């Protein structure tokens, strides 16, 4: 592992030396990490930018390791936009190296009021990094990203502002729509059991009791005691359904279902939720708004 990291950092240094002076009329070259950020930046930047997203559908950012090609993209970028809060844990060393070489890196979590963060002992940042599951927090991220792009490319500042305002209006409408959908589910039934603790911001925003079989990071594994403890919780609270996640192996959730059913409680898998990545490009779930609405509909339909 250390040898791989050292190799990547050497590539960082090599590519940095070879980087050519940028044509002032060329498009802003932006690299993003997660698919949620790629969707956001694509919406704000439009045709004024060249965009490369590192992580596609179904990719787990907690475990993601940069390839040589990724490092080349990062080093050739005018601006790199990532989540922060140690979500992209295995890229931290690469980002730090680039910062020392004066490459522009932006962690969108830096644009969020810290009072909005949920504390977590699982990450070096001490905060839960799954900030996209609160639409109001994502609006803060949107505004922060608009400003970052404007500072990096002043000639297109007006375009970024216009696109950003339209997207903020879309997010406001999305929040209202999903809140109305969630309101149809009685509060005592709002218990969301998933593969890992990615939905705490969602739970806080929409009054759900969220329980993850694994911790906040998929780098942790659920043990037998975790499964048994959660099985007891499900039976005690008469939970109807639990959920798998698109970027997390489903075997632990299936083991949990089997454990609950062996005790005589009928428990179904309510569907697959998108947690750490969006759906496939070209589908409704391949956008942030489509993903969020899909998740809400899946949850409400299964728990009613």
Foldseek 3Di string as FASTA:
>chain_A
DVVVVVVLLVLLVVLLVVADDDDLPDAAEEEEEALQVQQLCCLLCPPRHHYHYDDAFLAQLLPDADDSVNSNSQSNGQEYEYADQCSNVNCVVVVVSVVVVVRHYHHLVVQFDPVLFDADPPTPSRTQRLQLLALVRVLSSLVVVLVVVCVSRVVCNVSSVVSSVVVSVVSVVLVVVLLVLLVVDDLLLQEAEEQEPQNPSNCVNNVHNYHHLAYSRLVGDHDPVSLVVVLVVCVVSVHAEYEYESNHDCVSVVVSCVVNVVVPRHYYHLYYAYGRHFHHPPDLSSHSSSRNVVRSVSVSVRRD
